[in-house]
Amino acid sequence: MKYKKMESSLLIIFVCILAILLFEVKGHVHASKNPTDPLPISAPVIMVPGTNGNVDRFDSLVDSLKQTEKNVDEVKITVHKDDSITSSGHFTKQTKRPIIAVAFEDGSDPALPKQSRWFQKALEYAEKYYTFNTYDYLGYSNGGLIITGYLENEQKSNDPSLYHLITLGTPYNDTSWDYNENSSTFKKPKAESPLLKYYLKNKNNIPKNITVYNIAGNADHQNSDNTVPLTSVLAGRLIYNDSEKYKEIIVDEQADHGSLIENPKTLKLIKEYLFESVK
């Protein structure tokens, strides 16, 4: 009799576990398993790091967002040198604010033009599994140059449309003081770097109906974030000044280049510009 009761109890436990597992499988759509039936999602925030950054670069930022925002989920996409793609994470029907972190096997500075093309490949990949018409973008450091190169040279007519763009510590006029003034104001470059000239060449290809927030660090009021001169970041206005809205924000505290992503003011701005609109 005791054995029968034990068997019954084990059977009930097994059925309960099976039911939980089936519910989890039904409720979650895994990017690696369902390319034929894309899941509709709200406009994702696509985050791209700077030089040699990987898909984990924004982990602390995403963790901070999850503490105050509901239903934040993340997919991570890495594009390799041979155009192949690996990914992890998934969105669900309950995901309210999807985040897609995109990085590249070759994240070096010389590969910037390729990274813009690889970003387009990442968009195509994401659209195999998720349906979205617009997206917001956060580009840290060279991540801001990657989206600029994509908009100028790589965007396809059937790609989702960019809506909000935040660039954070982006060296539009390179990092050398040979091209940049040691000043807190920007009128025109001391000299146009080859990098800036490259992105000015096709600036008219950038859609005008976007909102751009250009965030710069001014560590210890030294007109630099200790990596990128302030006037280099502000040179972004030469590229995006024709946008529907263009706004510059200078962060003075905890404004070292490597700390900009974790900066409390930066986090507040990201929430305000990228998350408030979906509440």
C-alpha atoms as a PDB file:
ATOM      1  CA  MET A   1       0.000   0.000   0.000  1.00  0.00           C
ATOM      2  CA  LYS A   2       2.836   2.387   0.862  1.00  0.00           C
ATOM      3  CA  TYR A   3       4.476   1.667  -2.500  1.00  0.00           C
ATOM      4  CA  LYS A   4       1.263   2.472  -4.380  1.00  0.00           C
ATOM      5  CA  LYS A   5       0.913   5.787  -2.533  1.00  0.00           C
ATOM      6  CA  MET A   6       4.545   6.575  -3.317  1.00  0.00           C
ATOM      7  CA  GLU A   7       4.015   5.726  -6.995  1.00  0.00           C
ATOM      8  CA  SER A   8       0.931   7.956  -7.104  1.00  0.00           C
ATOM      9  CA  SER A   9       2.818  10.824  -5.487  1.00  0.00           C
ATOM     10  CA  LEU A  10       5.704  10.456  -7.931  1.00  0.00           C
ATOM     11  CA  LEU A  11       3.254  10.360 -10.835  1.00  0.00           C
ATOM     12  CA  ILE A  12       1.584  13.579  -9.650  1.00  0.00           C
ATOM     13  CA  ILE A  13       4.976  15.288  -9.255  1.00  0.00           C
ATOM     14  CA  PHE A  14       6.016  14.140 -12.731  1.00  0.00           C
ATOM     15  CA  VAL A  15       2.788  15.422 -14.303  1.00  0.00           C
ATOM     16  CA  CYS A  16       3.206  18.792 -12.559  1.00  0.00           C
ATOM     17  CA  ILE A  17       6.798  19.145 -13.768  1.00  0.00           C
ATOM     18  CA  LEU A  18       5.757  18.186 -17.315  1.00  0.00           C
ATOM     19  CA  ALA A  19       2.951  20.768 -17.255  1.00  0.00           C
ATOM     20  CA  ILE A  20       5.355  23.494 -16.110  1.00  0.00           C
ATOM     21  CA  LEU A  21       7.822  22.613 -18.850  1.00  0.00           C
ATOM     22  CA  LEU A  22       5.103  22.637 -21.514  1.00  0.00           C
ATOM     23  CA  PHE A  23       3.909  26.026 -20.299  1.00  0.00           C
ATOM     24  CA  GLU A  24       7.430  27.423 -20.472  1.00  0.00           C
ATOM     25  CA  VAL A  25       7.946  26.108 -24.012  1.00  0.00           C
ATOM     26  CA  LYS A  26       4.598  27.534 -25.148  1.00  0.00           C
ATOM     27  CA  GLY A  27       5.209  30.920 -23.573  1.00  0.00           C
ATOM     28  CA  HIS A  28       8.725  31.460 -24.955  1.00  0.00           C
ATOM     29  CA  VAL A  29       9.780  31.735 -28.567  1.00  0.00           C
ATOM     30  CA  HIS A  30      13.430  30.823 -29.043  1.00  0.00           C
ATOM     31  CA  ALA A  31      15.231  32.642 -31.844  1.00  0.00           C
ATOM     32  CA  SER A  32      17.064  29.467 -32.830  1.00  0.00           C
ATOM     33  CA  LYS A  33      13.951  27.359 -33.386  1.00  0.00           C
ATOM     34  CA  ASN A  34      11.208  29.336 -35.084  1.00  0.00           C
ATOM     35  CA  PRO A  35      12.373  31.204 -38.198  1.00  0.00           C
ATOM     36  CA  THR A  36       9.209  30.399 -40.212  1.00  0.00           C
ATOM     37  CA  ASP A  37       6.739  32.147 -37.900  1.00  0.00           C
ATOM     38  CA  PRO A  38       8.223  35.467 -36.688  1.00  0.00           C
ATOM     39  CA  LEU A  39       6.911  36.771 -33.392  1.00  0.00           C
ATOM     40  CA  PRO A  40       5.579  40.357 -33.570  1.00  0.00           C
ATOM     41  CA  ILE A  41       7.381  42.560 -31.045  1.00  0.00           C
ATOM     42  CA  SER A  42       7.293  46.226 -30.163  1.00  0.00           C
ATOM     43  CA  ALA A  43      10.125  48.430 -31.423  1.00  0.00           C
ATOM     44  CA  PRO A  44      13.350  47.008 -29.972  1.00  0.00           C
ATOM     45  CA  VAL A  45      16.260  48.988 -28.597  1.00  0.00           C
ATOM     46  CA  ILE A  46      19.346  47.878 -30.501  1.00  0.00           C
ATOM     47  CA  MET A  47      22.599  48.431 -28.598  1.00  0.00           C
ATOM     48  CA  VAL A  48      26.013  48.339 -30.276  1.00  0.00           C
ATOM     49  CA  PRO A  49      29.311  48.715 -28.349  1.00  0.00           C
ATOM     50  CA  GLY A  50      32.556  50.415 -29.328  1.00  0.00           C
ATOM     51  CA  THR A  51      35.991  49.145 -30.298  1.00  0.00           C
ATOM     52  CA  ASN A  52      36.348  45.395 -29.667  1.00  0.00           C
ATOM     53  CA  GLY A  53      33.237  45.372 -27.480  1.00  0.00           C
ATOM     54  CA  ASN A  54      31.194  42.198 -27.278  1.00  0.00           C
ATOM     55  CA  VAL A  55      27.498  41.488 -26.685  1.00  0.00           C
ATOM     56  CA  ASP A  56      28.009  41.461 -22.911  1.00  0.00           C
ATOM     57  CA  ARG A  57      29.112  45.109 -22.840  1.00  0.00           C
ATOM     58  CA  PHE A  58      25.640  46.334 -21.913  1.00  0.00           C
ATOM     59  CA  ASP A  59      24.876  43.740 -19.228  1.00  0.00           C
ATOM     60  CA  SER A  60      25.077  46.200 -16.335  1.00  0.00           C
ATOM     61  CA  LEU A  61      22.882  48.675 -18.188  1.00  0.00           C
ATOM     62  CA  VAL A  62      20.279  46.028 -18.975  1.00  0.00           C
ATOM     63  CA  ASP A  63      20.327  44.815 -15.360  1.00  0.00           C
ATOM     64  CA  SER A  64      19.714  48.394 -14.185  1.00  0.00           C
ATOM     65  CA  LEU A  65      16.811  48.768 -16.611  1.00  0.00           C
ATOM     66  CA  LYS A  66      15.251  45.524 -15.420  1.00  0.00           C
ATOM     67  CA  GLN A  67      15.168  46.867 -11.852  1.00  0.00           C
ATOM     68  CA  THR A  68      12.708  49.604 -12.793  1.00  0.00           C
ATOM     69  CA  GLU A  69      11.189  48.566 -16.124  1.00  0.00           C
ATOM     70  CA  LYS A  70       8.757  45.695 -16.621  1.00  0.00           C
ATOM     71  CA  ASN A  71       9.100  42.886 -19.137  1.00  0.00           C
ATOM     72  CA  VAL A  72      12.565  43.783 -20.430  1.00  0.00           C
ATOM     73  CA  ASP A  73      14.153  40.891 -22.331  1.00  0.00           C
ATOM     74  CA  GLU A  74      17.375  40.709 -24.327  1.00  0.00           C
ATOM     75  CA  VAL A  75      18.646  38.885 -27.401  1.00  0.00           C
ATOM     76  CA  LYS A  76      22.380  38.931 -28.154  1.00  0.00           C
ATOM     77  CA  ILE A  77      23.627  38.695 -31.747  1.00  0.00           C
ATOM     78  CA  THR A  78      27.245  38.321 -32.857  1.00  0.00           C
ATOM     79  CA  VAL A  79      28.172  38.674 -36.534  1.00  0.00           C
ATOM     80  CA  HIS A  80      31.330  36.825 -37.522  1.00  0.00           C
ATOM     81  CA  LYS A  81      33.923  37.689 -40.153  1.00  0.00           C
ATOM     82  CA  ASP A  82      32.434  35.191 -42.630  1.00  0.00           C
ATOM     83  CA  ASP A  83      28.954  36.785 -42.226  1.00  0.00           C
ATOM     84  CA  SER A  84      27.717  33.878 -40.112  1.00  0.00           C
ATOM     85  CA  ILE A  85      25.727  34.784 -37.013  1.00  0.00           C
ATOM     86  CA  THR A  86      25.362  33.322 -33.545  1.00  0.00           C
ATOM     87  CA  SER A  87      22.773  34.414 -31.018  1.00  0.00           C
ATOM     88  CA  SER A  88      21.381  33.789 -27.560  1.00  0.00           C
ATOM     89  CA  GLY A  89      18.307  34.825 -25.633  1.00  0.00           C
ATOM     90  CA  HIS A  90      14.675  35.113 -26.670  1.00  0.00           C
ATOM     91  CA  PHE A  91      11.608  37.341 -26.538  1.00  0.00           C
ATOM     92  CA  THR A  92       8.124  36.319 -25.499  1.00  0.00           C
ATOM     93  CA  LYS A  93       4.625  37.593 -26.091  1.00  0.00           C
ATOM     94  CA  GLN A  94       4.940  39.277 -22.707  1.00  0.00           C
ATOM     95  CA  THR A  95       8.094  41.201 -23.675  1.00  0.00           C
ATOM     96  CA  LYS A  96       7.226  44.878 -23.508  1.00  0.00           C
ATOM     97  CA  ARG A  97      10.627  46.374 -24.298  1.00  0.00           C
ATOM     98  CA  PRO A  98      12.926  44.058 -26.274  1.00  0.00           C
ATOM     99  CA  ILE A  99      16.639  44.784 -26.320  1.00  0.00           C
ATOM    100  CA  ILE A 100      18.974  43.460 -29.016  1.00  0.00           C
ATOM    101  CA  ALA A 101      22.707  43.678 -28.344  1.00  0.00           C
ATOM    102  CA  VAL A 102      24.724  43.427 -31.568  1.00  0.00           C
ATOM    103  CA  ALA A 103      28.495  42.982 -31.724  1.00  0.00           C
ATOM    104  CA  PHE A 104      31.078  41.749 -34.200  1.00  0.00           C
ATOM    105  CA  GLU A 105      33.840  39.170 -34.161  1.00  0.00           C
ATOM    106  CA  ASP A 106      36.087  41.839 -35.690  1.00  0.00           C
ATOM    107  CA  GLY A 107      35.386  44.926 -33.599  1.00  0.00           C
ATOM    108  CA  SER A 108      38.576  46.745 -34.553  1.00  0.00           C
ATOM    109  CA  ASP A 109      38.685  50.353 -35.735  1.00  0.00           C
ATOM    110  CA  PRO A 110      39.825  49.530 -39.303  1.00  0.00           C
ATOM    111  CA  ALA A 111      36.789  47.260 -39.719  1.00  0.00           C
ATOM    112  CA  LEU A 112      34.249  50.072 -39.140  1.00  0.00           C
ATOM    113  CA  PRO A 113      32.873  50.038 -42.728  1.00  0.00           C
ATOM    114  CA  LYS A 114      32.475  46.257 -42.526  1.00  0.00           C
ATOM    115  CA  GLN A 115      30.742  46.584 -39.163  1.00  0.00           C
ATOM    116  CA  SER A 116      28.117  48.852 -40.745  1.00  0.00           C
ATOM    117  CA  ARG A 117      27.467  46.146 -43.340  1.00  0.00           C
ATOM    118  CA  TRP A 118      27.430  43.463 -40.660  1.00  0.00           C
ATOM    119  CA  PHE A 119      24.891  45.498 -38.714  1.00  0.00           C
ATOM    120  CA  GLN A 120      22.570  45.232 -41.709  1.00  0.00           C
ATOM    121  CA  LYS A 121      23.108  41.463 -41.639  1.00  0.00           C
ATOM    122  CA  ALA A 122      22.156  41.434 -37.944  1.00  0.00           C
ATOM    123  CA  LEU A 123      18.925  43.300 -38.736  1.00  0.00           C
ATOM    124  CA  GLU A 124      18.055  40.749 -41.409  1.00  0.00           C
ATOM    125  CA  TYR A 125      18.766  37.942 -38.976  1.00  0.00           C
ATOM    126  CA  ALA A 126      16.555  39.444 -36.261  1.00  0.00           C
ATOM    127  CA  GLU A 127      13.707  39.849 -38.754  1.00  0.00           C
ATOM    128  CA  LYS A 128      13.726  36.119 -39.448  1.00  0.00           C
ATOM    129  CA  TYR A 129      12.481  35.516 -35.937  1.00  0.00           C
ATOM    130  CA  TYR A 130      10.753  38.756 -34.918  1.00  0.00           C
ATOM    131  CA  THR A 131       8.537  41.209 -36.748  1.00  0.00           C
ATOM    132  CA  PHE A 132       9.137  44.923 -36.118  1.00  0.00           C
ATOM    133  CA  ASN A 133       8.847  47.987 -38.339  1.00  0.00           C
ATOM    134  CA  THR A 134      10.854  50.492 -36.306  1.00  0.00           C
ATOM    135  CA  TYR A 135      13.657  50.380 -33.755  1.00  0.00           C
ATOM    136  CA  ASP A 136      15.617  52.641 -31.432  1.00  0.00           C
ATOM    137  CA  TYR A 137      19.399  52.556 -31.280  1.00  0.00           C
ATOM    138  CA  LEU A 138      22.021  53.121 -28.612  1.00  0.00           C
ATOM    139  CA  GLY A 139      25.556  53.376 -29.980  1.00  0.00           C
ATOM    140  CA  TYR A 140      28.397  53.526 -27.480  1.00  0.00           C
ATOM    141  CA  SER A 141      31.656  55.051 -28.773  1.00  0.00           C
ATOM    142  CA  ASN A 142      32.268  53.575 -32.241  1.00  0.00           C
ATOM    143  CA  GLY A 143      28.779  52.131 -32.055  1.00  0.00           C
ATOM    144  CA  GLY A 144      27.602  55.598 -33.079  1.00  0.00           C
ATOM    145  CA  LEU A 145      29.823  55.482 -36.158  1.00  0.00           C
ATOM    146  CA  ILE A 146      28.528  52.024 -37.082  1.00  0.00           C
ATOM    147  CA  ILE A 147      24.914  53.184 -37.291  1.00  0.00           C
ATOM    148  CA  THR A 148      26.024  56.301 -39.182  1.00  0.00           C
ATOM    149  CA  GLY A 149      27.822  54.189 -41.781  1.00  0.00           C
ATOM    150  CA  TYR A 150      24.832  51.883 -42.010  1.00  0.00           C
ATOM    151  CA  LEU A 151      22.371  54.742 -42.592  1.00  0.00           C
ATOM    152  CA  GLU A 152      24.630  56.319 -45.192  1.00  0.00           C
ATOM    153  CA  ASN A 153      25.762  53.272 -47.134  1.00  0.00           C
ATOM    154  CA  GLU A 154      24.123  49.988 -46.125  1.00  0.00           C
ATOM    155  CA  GLN A 155      20.437  50.536 -45.342  1.00  0.00           C
ATOM    156  CA  LYS A 156      18.060  48.598 -47.584  1.00  0.00           C
ATOM    157  CA  SER A 157      14.590  49.767 -48.549  1.00  0.00           C
ATOM    158  CA  ASN A 158      12.873  46.917 -46.701  1.00  0.00           C
ATOM    159  CA  ASP A 159      14.874  47.300 -43.477  1.00  0.00           C
ATOM    160  CA  PRO A 160      13.033  48.476 -40.338  1.00  0.00           C
ATOM    161  CA  SER A 161      13.168  52.236 -39.834  1.00  0.00           C
ATOM    162  CA  LEU A 162      15.248  53.953 -37.176  1.00  0.00           C
ATOM    163  CA  TYR A 163      13.205  56.153 -34.828  1.00  0.00           C
ATOM    164  CA  HIS A 164      15.286  57.335 -31.846  1.00  0.00           C
ATOM    165  CA  LEU A 165      19.073  57.402 -31.964  1.00  0.00           C
ATOM    166  CA  ILE A 166      21.352  57.870 -28.947  1.00  0.00           C
ATOM    167  CA  THR A 167      25.086  58.088 -29.532  1.00  0.00           C
ATOM    168  CA  LEU A 168      27.255  58.014 -26.434  1.00  0.00           C
ATOM    169  CA  GLY A 169      30.856  59.231 -26.455  1.00  0.00           C
ATOM    170  CA  THR A 170      31.110  58.801 -30.219  1.00  0.00           C
ATOM    171  CA  PRO A 171      34.372  60.125 -31.769  1.00  0.00           C
ATOM    172  CA  TYR A 172      32.897  61.684 -34.906  1.00  0.00           C
ATOM    173  CA  ASN A 173      36.108  63.687 -35.461  1.00  0.00           C
ATOM    174  CA  ASP A 174      38.474  60.958 -34.240  1.00  0.00           C
ATOM    175  CA  THR A 175      40.277  61.060 -30.887  1.00  0.00           C
ATOM    176  CA  SER A 176      43.367  63.105 -31.728  1.00  0.00           C
ATOM    177  CA  TRP A 177      43.788  66.663 -30.464  1.00  0.00           C
ATOM    178  CA  ASP A 178      45.310  67.428 -33.863  1.00  0.00           C
ATOM    179  CA  TYR A 179      41.724  67.670 -35.131  1.00  0.00           C
ATOM    180  CA  ASN A 180      39.951  68.925 -32.017  1.00  0.00           C
ATOM    181  CA  GLU A 181      39.961  72.061 -29.899  1.00  0.00           C
ATOM    182  CA  ASN A 182      40.491  71.833 -26.158  1.00  0.00           C
ATOM    183  CA  SER A 183      37.224  73.668 -25.627  1.00  0.00           C
ATOM    184  CA  SER A 184      33.786  73.159 -24.131  1.00  0.00           C
ATOM    185  CA  THR A 185      32.117  74.804 -27.134  1.00  0.00           C
ATOM    186  CA  PHE A 186      31.991  73.740 -30.731  1.00  0.00           C
ATOM    187  CA  LYS A 187      31.816  76.050 -33.719  1.00  0.00           C
ATOM    188  CA  LYS A 188      33.764  74.137 -36.337  1.00  0.00           C
ATOM    189  CA  PRO A 189      36.500  71.503 -36.195  1.00  0.00           C
ATOM    190  CA  LYS A 190      40.069  72.578 -35.705  1.00  0.00           C
ATOM    191  CA  ALA A 191      40.565  70.291 -38.690  1.00  0.00           C
ATOM    192  CA  GLU A 192      38.378  67.643 -40.307  1.00  0.00           C
ATOM    193  CA  SER A 193      39.835  64.212 -39.654  1.00  0.00           C
ATOM    194  CA  PRO A 194      39.725  61.574 -42.423  1.00  0.00           C
ATOM    195  CA  LEU A 195      37.118  59.820 -40.258  1.00  0.00           C
ATOM    196  CA  LEU A 196      34.810  62.850 -40.182  1.00  0.00           C
ATOM    197  CA  LYS A 197      35.295  63.462 -43.906  1.00  0.00           C
ATOM    198  CA  TYR A 198      34.248  59.865 -44.577  1.00  0.00           C
ATOM    199  CA  TYR A 199      30.962  60.269 -42.694  1.00  0.00           C
ATOM    200  CA  LEU A 200      30.253  63.733 -44.112  1.00  0.00           C
ATOM    201  CA  LYS A 201      30.514  62.425 -47.666  1.00  0.00           C
ATOM    202  CA  ASN A 202      27.169  60.597 -47.700  1.00  0.00           C
ATOM    203  CA  LYS A 203      25.354  62.362 -44.858  1.00  0.00           C
ATOM    204  CA  ASN A 204      22.469  63.232 -47.192  1.00  0.00           C
ATOM    205  CA  ASN A 205      21.544  59.540 -47.301  1.00  0.00           C
ATOM    206  CA  ILE A 206      20.615  59.621 -43.609  1.00  0.00           C
ATOM    207  CA  PRO A 207      16.816  59.737 -43.087  1.00  0.00           C
ATOM    208  CA  LYS A 208      15.719  63.141 -41.839  1.00  0.00           C
ATOM    209  CA  ASN A 209      12.754  61.934 -39.775  1.00  0.00           C
ATOM    210  CA  ILE A 210      14.809  60.648 -36.828  1.00  0.00           C
ATOM    211  CA  THR A 211      15.428  61.997 -33.341  1.00  0.00           C
ATOM    212  CA  VAL A 212      19.093  62.164 -32.339  1.00  0.00           C
ATOM    213  CA  TYR A 213      20.503  62.543 -28.818  1.00  0.00           C
ATOM    214  CA  ASN A 214      24.259  63.040 -28.846  1.00  0.00           C
ATOM    215  CA  ILE A 215      25.706  62.467 -25.345  1.00  0.00           C
ATOM    216  CA  ALA A 216      29.267  63.507 -24.488  1.00  0.00           C
ATOM    217  CA  GLY A 217      31.391  63.070 -21.388  1.00  0.00           C
ATOM    218  CA  ASN A 218      33.337  65.984 -19.897  1.00  0.00           C
ATOM    219  CA  ALA A 219      35.381  64.324 -17.158  1.00  0.00           C
ATOM    220  CA  ASP A 220      36.603  66.764 -14.517  1.00  0.00           C
ATOM    221  CA  HIS A 221      35.674  69.603 -16.902  1.00  0.00           C
ATOM    222  CA  GLN A 222      38.751  68.815 -19.013  1.00  0.00           C
ATOM    223  CA  ASN A 223      36.824  68.979 -22.331  1.00  0.00           C
ATOM    224  CA  SER A 224      37.259  65.250 -22.820  1.00  0.00           C
ATOM    225  CA  ASP A 225      36.021  61.955 -21.405  1.00  0.00           C
ATOM    226  CA  ASN A 226      39.710  61.011 -21.114  1.00  0.00           C
ATOM    227  CA  THR A 227      39.493  59.196 -24.437  1.00  0.00           C
ATOM    228  CA  VAL A 228      37.369  61.278 -26.809  1.00  0.00           C
ATOM    229  CA  PRO A 229      37.676  65.084 -26.977  1.00  0.00           C
ATOM    230  CA  LEU A 230      34.413  66.872 -26.291  1.00  0.00           C
ATOM    231  CA  THR A 231      34.496  68.726 -29.595  1.00  0.00           C
ATOM    232  CA  SER A 232      34.901  65.402 -31.442  1.00  0.00           C
ATOM    233  CA  VAL A 233      31.627  64.149 -30.000  1.00  0.00           C
ATOM    234  CA  LEU A 234      29.905  67.463 -30.711  1.00  0.00           C
ATOM    235  CA  ALA A 235      31.048  67.259 -34.330  1.00  0.00           C
ATOM    236  CA  GLY A 236      28.120  64.873 -34.679  1.00  0.00           C
ATOM    237  CA  ARG A 237      25.986  67.931 -35.340  1.00  0.00           C
ATOM    238  CA  LEU A 238      27.725  68.291 -38.726  1.00  0.00           C
ATOM    239  CA  ILE A 239      26.287  64.912 -39.681  1.00  0.00           C
ATOM    240  CA  TYR A 240      22.900  64.912 -37.950  1.00  0.00           C
ATOM    241  CA  ASN A 241      21.974  68.608 -37.848  1.00  0.00           C
ATOM    242  CA  ASP A 242      19.306  68.080 -40.539  1.00  0.00           C
ATOM    243  CA  SER A 243      17.448  65.507 -38.428  1.00  0.00           C
ATOM    244  CA  GLU A 244      13.903  66.135 -37.272  1.00  0.00           C
ATOM    245  CA  LYS A 245      15.342  66.690 -33.805  1.00  0.00           C
ATOM    246  CA  TYR A 246      18.960  66.899 -32.715  1.00  0.00           C
ATOM    247  CA  LYS A 247      19.958  67.420 -29.084  1.00  0.00           C
ATOM    248  CA  GLU A 248      23.347  67.489 -27.346  1.00  0.00           C
ATOM    249  CA  ILE A 249      23.798  66.487 -23.716  1.00  0.00           C
ATOM    250  CA  ILE A 250      27.064  66.871 -21.795  1.00  0.00           C
ATOM    251  CA  VAL A 251      27.647  64.683 -18.735  1.00  0.00           C
ATOM    252  CA  ASP A 252      30.085  66.093 -16.171  1.00  0.00           C
ATOM    253  CA  GLU A 253      30.043  63.551 -13.330  1.00  0.00           C
ATOM    254  CA  GLN A 254      31.344  59.983 -13.688  1.00  0.00           C
ATOM    255  CA  ALA A 255      32.054  61.039 -17.255  1.00  0.00           C
ATOM    256  CA  ASP A 256      35.122  58.908 -18.003  1.00  0.00           C
ATOM    257  CA  HIS A 257      34.697  57.214 -21.383  1.00  0.00           C
ATOM    258  CA  GLY A 258      34.625  53.708 -19.961  1.00  0.00           C
ATOM    259  CA  SER A 259      32.027  54.684 -17.350  1.00  0.00           C
ATOM    260  CA  LEU A 260      29.552  56.505 -19.583  1.00  0.00           C
ATOM    261  CA  ILE A 261      27.281  53.494 -19.965  1.00  0.00           C
ATOM    262  CA  GLU A 262      26.970  53.105 -16.181  1.00  0.00           C
ATOM    263  CA  ASN A 263      26.589  56.853 -15.547  1.00  0.00           C
ATOM    264  CA  PRO A 264      23.369  57.555 -13.551  1.00  0.00           C
ATOM    265  CA  LYS A 265      22.515  60.555 -15.751  1.00  0.00           C
ATOM    266  CA  THR A 266      23.042  58.454 -18.869  1.00  0.00           C
ATOM    267  CA  LEU A 267      20.756  55.751 -17.494  1.00  0.00           C
ATOM    268  CA  LYS A 268      18.109  58.358 -16.721  1.00  0.00           C
ATOM    269  CA  LEU A 269      18.352  59.762 -20.247  1.00  0.00           C
ATOM    270  CA  ILE A 270      18.100  56.310 -21.805  1.00  0.00           C
ATOM    271  CA  LYS A 271      14.982  55.565 -19.788  1.00  0.00           C
ATOM    272  CA  GLU A 272      13.494  58.920 -20.712  1.00  0.00           C
ATOM    273  CA  TYR A 273      14.224  58.772 -24.427  1.00  0.00           C
ATOM    274  CA  LEU A 274      13.859  55.057 -25.147  1.00  0.00           C
ATOM    275  CA  PHE A 275      11.487  53.654 -22.533  1.00  0.00           C
ATOM    276  CA  GLU A 276       9.017  56.317 -21.502  1.00  0.00           C
ATOM    277  CA  SER A 277       7.392  56.330 -24.935  1.00  0.00           C
ATOM    278  CA  VAL A 278       6.131  52.753 -24.568  1.00  0.00           C
ATOM    279  CA  LYS A 279       4.499  53.153 -21.171  1.00  0.00           C
END
